[in-house]
Protein backbone atom coordinates (compact mmCIF):
# COMPACT_ATOMS: atom_id res chain seq x y z
CA UNK A 1 22.29 15.14 2.06
CA UNK A 2 22.65 12.47 4.73
CA UNK A 3 19.22 10.87 5.22
CA UNK A 4 20.27 8.56 8.06
CA UNK A 5 18.17 9.19 11.12
CA UNK A 6 15.69 11.32 9.18
CA UNK A 7 11.90 11.09 9.22
CA UNK A 8 10.48 10.57 5.75
CA UNK A 9 6.87 11.11 4.69
CA UNK A 10 5.80 9.25 1.54
CA UNK A 11 2.64 10.76 0.09
CA UNK A 12 1.04 8.01 -1.96
CA UNK A 13 3.14 5.49 -0.08
CA UNK A 14 0.67 2.61 -0.46
CA UNK A 15 0.63 2.93 -4.23
CA UNK A 16 2.52 1.06 -6.93
CA UNK A 17 5.62 3.26 -6.96
CA UNK A 18 5.22 4.69 -3.47
CA UNK A 19 5.30 1.30 -1.75
CA UNK A 20 8.62 0.57 -3.43
CA UNK A 21 9.96 3.97 -2.33
CA UNK A 22 9.05 3.04 1.25
CA UNK A 23 11.02 -0.21 0.96
CA UNK A 24 14.00 1.54 -0.60
CA UNK A 25 14.12 4.11 2.20
CA UNK A 26 14.32 1.34 4.78
CA UNK A 27 17.65 0.27 3.28
CA UNK A 28 19.16 3.64 4.19
CA UNK A 29 18.83 3.71 7.97
CA UNK A 30 16.11 6.33 8.18
CA UNK A 31 14.51 6.81 11.59
CA UNK A 32 10.89 6.61 10.44
CA UNK A 33 8.81 6.27 7.28
CA UNK A 34 5.25 7.59 7.41
CA UNK A 35 2.85 6.41 4.70
CA UNK A 36 0.22 9.00 3.76
CA UNK A 37 -2.37 7.55 1.38
CA UNK A 38 -6.13 7.68 0.79
CA UNK A 39 -6.05 4.12 -0.62
CA UNK A 40 -7.95 5.11 -3.75
CA UNK A 41 -5.29 3.47 -5.87
CA UNK A 42 -2.95 2.19 -3.17
CA UNK A 43 -3.62 -0.95 -1.18
CA UNK A 44 -2.76 -2.55 2.13
CA UNK A 45 -1.31 -5.51 0.23
CA UNK A 46 1.33 -3.24 -1.31
CA UNK A 47 2.71 -2.25 2.10
CA UNK A 48 2.16 -5.48 4.04
CA UNK A 49 5.85 -6.39 4.06
CA UNK A 50 7.03 -2.86 4.86
CA UNK A 51 4.70 -2.68 7.86
CA UNK A 52 6.65 -5.51 9.48
CA UNK A 53 9.42 -2.95 10.04
CA UNK A 54 8.81 -0.99 13.27
CA UNK A 55 10.05 2.20 11.58
CA UNK A 56 7.04 2.22 9.24
CA UNK A 57 3.57 3.46 10.07
CA UNK A 58 0.47 4.52 8.19
CA UNK A 59 -0.73 8.01 9.04
CA UNK A 60 -3.77 7.42 11.19
CA UNK A 61 -6.03 10.24 9.96
CA UNK A 62 -6.14 9.22 6.31
CA UNK A 63 -4.23 10.66 3.40
CA UNK A 64 -5.98 13.12 1.09
CA UNK A 65 -3.76 15.96 -0.16
CA UNK A 66 -6.80 18.22 -0.64
CA UNK A 67 -7.40 18.30 3.12
CA UNK A 68 -4.56 20.59 4.10
CA UNK A 69 -5.34 20.46 7.83
CA UNK A 70 -4.92 16.67 7.87
CA UNK A 71 -1.92 16.86 5.54
CA UNK A 72 -0.29 19.34 7.91
CA UNK A 73 -0.46 16.84 10.77
CA UNK A 74 1.56 14.40 8.65
CA UNK A 75 4.10 16.90 7.30
CA UNK A 76 4.85 18.89 10.45
CA UNK A 77 7.48 16.50 11.84
CA UNK A 78 8.93 15.25 8.53
CA UNK A 79 12.48 15.97 7.43
CA UNK A 80 11.94 14.61 3.92
CA UNK A 81 8.79 14.45 1.81
CA UNK A 82 8.31 12.23 -1.23
CA UNK A 83 5.22 13.36 -3.15
CA UNK A 84 3.82 10.67 -5.44
CA UNK A 85 0.06 11.23 -5.13
CA UNK A 86 -1.78 12.14 -8.35
CA UNK A 87 -4.71 11.26 -10.52
CA UNK A 88 -3.49 9.07 -13.37
CA UNK A 89 -3.49 9.96 -17.06
CA UNK A 90 -6.78 8.43 -18.18
CA UNK A 91 -8.62 9.74 -15.12
CA UNK A 92 -7.34 13.22 -15.93
CA UNK A 93 -8.55 12.77 -19.51
CA UNK A 94 -12.10 12.01 -18.35
CA UNK A 95 -12.23 14.36 -15.35
CA UNK A 96 -10.07 17.43 -16.03
CA UNK A 97 -11.45 19.52 -13.17
CA UNK A 98 -10.64 16.74 -10.71
CA UNK A 99 -7.20 16.58 -12.31
CA UNK A 100 -6.68 20.24 -11.53
CA UNK A 101 -7.88 19.96 -7.93
CA UNK A 102 -5.93 16.84 -7.01
CA UNK A 103 -2.77 17.24 -9.03
CA UNK A 104 -2.31 21.02 -8.95
CA UNK A 105 -4.16 22.27 -5.88
CA UNK A 106 -3.09 19.21 -3.91
CA UNK A 107 0.55 19.72 -4.84
CA UNK A 108 0.28 23.39 -3.89
CA UNK A 109 -0.88 22.25 -0.45
CA UNK A 110 2.16 19.96 -0.17
CA UNK A 111 4.54 22.75 -1.19
CA UNK A 112 2.99 25.31 1.13
CA UNK A 113 3.17 22.99 4.14
CA UNK A 114 6.74 21.91 3.35
CA UNK A 115 7.74 25.57 3.58
CA UNK A 116 5.69 26.19 6.73
CA UNK A 117 7.30 23.27 8.56
CA UNK A 118 10.85 23.66 7.23
CA UNK A 119 11.02 20.35 5.39
CA UNK A 120 14.63 19.84 4.35
CA UNK A 121 13.89 18.44 0.91
CA UNK A 122 10.93 17.51 -1.28
CA UNK A 123 11.16 14.85 -4.00
CA UNK A 124 8.36 15.48 -6.48
CA UNK A 125 7.16 12.78 -8.87
CA UNK A 126 6.65 14.43 -12.23
CA UNK A 127 6.32 12.56 -15.52
CA UNK A 128 7.72 12.24 -19.02
CA UNK A 129 4.22 13.28 -20.07
CA UNK A 130 5.46 16.87 -19.88
CA UNK A 131 7.36 16.16 -23.10
CA UNK A 132 4.51 14.68 -25.14
CA UNK A 133 5.68 12.99 -28.33
CA UNK A 134 9.41 13.18 -28.92
CA UNK A 135 10.71 15.88 -31.22
CA UNK A 136 14.28 14.70 -30.57
CA UNK A 137 15.33 11.33 -29.23
CA UNK A 138 16.55 10.51 -26.69
CA UNK A 139 14.87 13.41 -24.97
CA UNK A 140 17.08 15.52 -22.75
CA UNK A 141 15.62 17.51 -19.88
CA UNK A 142 15.59 20.66 -22.02
CA UNK A 143 13.32 18.97 -24.59
CA UNK A 144 10.37 21.25 -25.40
CA UNK A 145 7.11 20.64 -23.58
CA UNK A 146 5.06 19.07 -26.36
CA UNK A 147 2.26 17.86 -24.12
CA UNK A 148 -1.37 18.06 -25.24
CA UNK A 149 -3.31 16.28 -22.47
CA UNK A 150 -4.62 17.27 -19.04
CA UNK A 151 -2.34 14.95 -17.06
CA UNK A 152 0.79 16.38 -18.64
CA UNK A 153 -0.57 19.88 -18.18
CA UNK A 154 -0.94 19.32 -14.43
CA UNK A 155 2.60 18.01 -14.19
CA UNK A 156 3.99 21.04 -16.04
CA UNK A 157 2.06 23.35 -13.72
CA UNK A 158 3.33 21.55 -10.63
CA UNK A 159 6.92 21.66 -11.85
CA UNK A 160 6.61 25.41 -12.18
CA UNK A 161 5.11 25.71 -8.71
CA UNK A 162 8.04 23.72 -7.30
CA UNK A 163 10.42 26.14 -8.96
CA UNK A 164 8.47 29.18 -7.74
CA UNK A 165 8.41 27.92 -4.14
CA UNK A 166 12.16 27.35 -4.28
CA UNK A 167 12.90 30.86 -5.51
CA UNK A 168 10.36 32.57 -3.27
CA UNK A 169 10.84 30.57 -0.07
CA UNK A 170 14.04 28.56 -0.48
CA UNK A 171 12.36 25.13 -0.55
CA UNK A 172 14.84 22.51 -1.73
CA UNK A 173 13.29 20.04 -4.13
CA UNK A 174 14.12 17.66 -6.96
CA UNK A 175 11.58 16.74 -9.64
CA UNK A 176 11.71 13.32 -11.31
CA UNK A 177 10.25 12.77 -14.77
CA UNK A 178 9.39 9.09 -14.90
CA UNK A 179 9.40 7.26 -18.19
CA UNK A 180 7.17 4.15 -18.46
CA UNK A 181 7.26 2.50 -15.06
CA UNK A 182 6.28 -1.16 -14.74
CA UNK A 183 6.78 -3.94 -12.23
CA UNK A 184 5.32 -5.95 -9.38
CA UNK A 185 2.16 -4.42 -7.87
CA UNK A 186 1.27 -2.52 -11.03
CA UNK A 187 -2.38 -2.13 -11.94
CA UNK A 188 -4.31 -1.39 -15.11
CA UNK A 189 -4.42 2.39 -14.80
CA UNK A 190 -1.17 3.26 -16.56
CA UNK A 191 -1.98 4.09 -20.17
CA UNK A 192 1.15 2.45 -21.55
CA UNK A 193 2.13 -0.17 -18.99
CA UNK A 194 -1.36 -1.71 -18.71
CA UNK A 195 -0.50 -3.59 -21.89
CA UNK A 196 1.79 -5.85 -19.83
CA UNK A 197 -1.01 -6.84 -17.49
CA UNK A 198 -3.49 -7.31 -20.31
CA UNK A 199 -1.10 -9.57 -22.22
CA UNK A 200 -0.59 -11.72 -19.13
CA UNK A 201 -4.36 -11.84 -18.56
CA UNK A 202 -4.91 -13.18 -22.06
CA UNK A 203 -2.14 -15.73 -21.76
CA UNK A 204 -3.69 -17.00 -18.53
CA UNK A 205 -6.95 -17.44 -20.43
CA UNK A 206 -5.18 -19.34 -23.22
CA UNK A 207 -5.60 -16.50 -25.72
CA UNK A 208 -2.98 -14.70 -27.84
CA UNK A 209 -1.70 -11.25 -26.82
CA UNK A 210 -3.31 -8.28 -28.52
CA UNK A 211 -1.33 -5.33 -29.87
CA UNK A 212 -3.23 -2.31 -31.10
CA UNK A 213 -1.93 -0.74 -34.29
CA UNK A 214 1.31 -1.95 -35.87
CA UNK A 215 3.18 -2.32 -32.58
CA UNK A 216 5.86 0.19 -33.56
CA UNK A 217 4.95 2.63 -30.76
CA UNK A 218 8.17 2.95 -28.77
CA UNK A 219 8.76 3.75 -25.10
CA UNK A 220 11.39 3.74 -22.39
CA UNK A 221 10.42 1.06 -19.85
CA UNK A 222 11.93 1.19 -16.36
CA UNK A 223 11.37 -1.27 -13.52
CA UNK A 224 9.68 0.12 -10.43
CA UNK A 225 12.45 -0.70 -7.95
CA UNK A 226 14.85 1.37 -10.08
CA UNK A 227 12.40 4.27 -9.87
CA UNK A 228 12.36 3.88 -6.08
CA UNK A 229 16.15 3.96 -6.09
CA UNK A 230 16.07 7.17 -8.14
CA UNK A 231 13.90 8.81 -5.48
CA UNK A 232 16.42 8.03 -2.77
CA UNK A 233 19.34 9.07 -4.98
CA UNK A 234 17.59 12.41 -5.49
CA UNK A 235 17.16 12.84 -1.74
CA UNK A 236 20.79 12.01 -0.99
CA UNK A 237 22.19 14.19 -3.77
CA UNK A 238 23.13 17.84 -3.49
CA UNK A 239 20.81 18.60 -6.41
CA UNK A 240 18.02 21.13 -5.95
CA UNK A 241 15.68 23.20 -8.11
CA UNK A 242 16.02 20.88 -11.07
CA UNK A 243 14.31 18.06 -12.96
CA UNK A 244 15.65 14.71 -14.10
CA UNK A 245 14.58 11.93 -16.41
CA UNK A 246 14.17 8.55 -14.73
CA UNK A 247 14.46 5.82 -17.33
CA UNK A 248 16.85 3.41 -18.97
CA UNK A 249 17.31 5.32 -22.20
CA UNK A 250 16.44 2.18 -24.17
CA UNK A 251 13.84 2.18 -26.94
CA UNK A 252 11.39 -0.72 -26.86
CA UNK A 253 8.42 -1.11 -29.19
CA UNK A 254 5.13 -2.60 -28.02
CA UNK A 255 5.74 -5.46 -30.48
CA UNK A 256 9.12 -6.17 -28.85
CA UNK A 257 7.50 -5.96 -25.42
CA UNK A 258 4.87 -8.55 -26.38
CA UNK A 259 7.49 -10.83 -27.96
CA UNK A 260 9.60 -10.71 -24.79
CA UNK A 261 6.61 -11.67 -22.65
CA UNK A 262 5.84 -14.59 -24.98
CA UNK A 263 9.46 -15.73 -24.66
CA UNK A 264 9.50 -15.51 -20.86
CA UNK A 265 6.23 -17.40 -20.48
CA UNK A 266 7.20 -20.05 -23.09
CA UNK A 267 3.98 -19.28 -24.89
CA UNK A 268 3.31 -20.70 -28.37
CA UNK A 269 0.82 -17.97 -29.22
CA UNK A 270 1.44 -15.34 -31.86
CA UNK A 271 0.62 -11.67 -31.52
CA UNK A 272 -2.86 -10.66 -32.67
CA UNK A 273 -2.95 -7.19 -34.19
CA UNK A 274 -6.09 -5.08 -33.85
CA UNK A 275 -6.99 -1.52 -34.90
CA UNK A 276 -5.22 1.22 -33.01
CA UNK A 277 -6.69 2.12 -29.63
CA UNK A 278 -6.54 5.54 -27.96
CA UNK A 279 -2.85 6.49 -27.75
CA UNK A 280 -1.49 9.72 -26.26
CA UNK A 281 2.11 9.43 -27.48
CA UNK A 282 3.81 7.05 -29.90
CA UNK A 283 7.50 7.72 -29.24
CA UNK A 284 9.21 8.63 -25.97
CA UNK A 285 12.70 7.66 -24.82
CA UNK A 286 14.62 9.72 -22.29
CA UNK A 287 18.28 10.61 -21.99
CA UNK A 288 19.80 9.28 -18.76
CA UNK A 289 23.02 11.31 -18.69
CA UNK A 290 21.94 14.13 -16.40
CA UNK A 291 20.58 11.77 -13.71
CA UNK A 292 23.71 9.64 -13.93
CA UNK A 293 25.98 12.66 -13.51
CA UNK A 294 24.08 14.71 -10.92
CA UNK A 295 22.04 12.14 -8.98
CA UNK A 296 24.42 9.21 -9.33
CA UNK A 297 21.45 7.20 -10.57
CA UNK A 298 21.67 4.35 -13.07
CA UNK A 299 18.94 1.77 -13.61
CA UNK A 300 19.99 -1.79 -12.75
CA UNK A 301 17.25 -3.98 -14.22
CA UNK A 302 16.92 -4.61 -17.95
CA UNK A 303 13.56 -5.25 -19.59
CA UNK A 304 13.74 -9.03 -19.75
CA UNK A 305 14.73 -9.34 -16.09
CA UNK A 306 12.03 -6.87 -15.09
CA UNK A 307 9.36 -8.74 -17.02
CA UNK A 308 10.50 -12.01 -15.44
CA UNK A 309 9.89 -10.41 -12.06
CA UNK A 310 6.41 -9.31 -13.12
CA UNK A 311 5.59 -12.82 -14.37
CA UNK A 312 6.84 -14.35 -11.10
CA UNK A 313 4.79 -11.86 -9.07
CA UNK A 314 1.69 -12.74 -11.11
CA UNK A 315 2.28 -16.45 -10.58
CA UNK A 316 2.62 -15.97 -6.83
CA UNK A 317 -0.40 -13.66 -6.69
CA UNK A 318 -2.78 -15.66 -8.89
CA UNK A 319 -1.49 -19.21 -8.60
CA UNK A 320 -2.17 -19.61 -12.31
CA UNK A 321 0.25 -20.27 -15.12
CA UNK A 322 0.40 -18.93 -18.67
CA UNK A 323 -0.36 -20.71 -21.91
C-alpha cells in the first residue's frame, strides 16, 4: 500500500509508542497525521516536536474511544488508522471491568467506524501478552495462547474481533504483537519495562539497582522507534488479516539488563537482590521471521544502544547524572 498523500489517524498518538508512530509517519510523505488521545497516559511533551510539522494536528474534541460519536468525527476522513489506545496491564489487573470497556468495547467502536467510513487499513496494537509464559522459545505467531491475566484476555478478544470484522465486512487490518517495548518517553506503567526507569531513579539517588528474584526472568526488549517503524511497515505491506511479532528475537535477563545499565552509566554499584515481586510472565522471546518476510520489518537498535538513548533522554529531561 502506498501511504504517500494519505491521512493517518493515530489513536493514542500522544502516548509513549503512539508519539513515535506519529514521527515515523512524517518520514513517509503522508498528507496529514491526526492525533486522537485523551491524555490519560499521553502527554503534550511527547508530541511537542511533532506539532512543529504543519501536517500534524491534535483532534480538537478530545480522544476517548468509548465516545463513538466523537471518535467518528476523527475517523470519518482518515485513510489509515493506527489503534494504540488501551488500559495497561497493571490497570487491567486492578480494574477488570474497565479493562473490558476500554480495551474491548473501545476497540469494537474503532472497528465499527473503520468499516462505516471505508478506512483503507487498520494497524492494531496487540501484545505478546496473548502468549503468556513461553511454552516454546522463540515463540512463533502460532504459539498457543497461554495468557492468564485480564490485559492479555482483552488483547485476545480484540484480535478475534479484528479477524471477524475482516471476514464479515472486508476490513483490511494488521495486528502487531509487541514484545517488551522501552525507550525515550517511557513511563512507569509497563510491568516489565518500568524496571529500567526504577534502576535509573535509584542510580540518580546514589543507590544500587534492585532486582526482584534471581534476575533470570528473560524477555525480548525492543526500542520504541523500531516499534514505530514496524507500524509503518505493516501499513505499507500487502499483509492483511494476520498478526505479527514485533521484537528483536533476543533473550535478555533482568540481571543482564541491570548490568548493561550499570555499564552505560559508569556506575560502581552492584545489583541488590530482593524477594520476588508480582510477575506475570518469566520467559518471553518472540520469533522475528514472519515479520521480516511479510512486513519487511527488522529492528535496527540493539539493547545497549537503546539503553544509551534512554540514559541520554533522562539526562536531558532531568539534568541530573547517575552515580
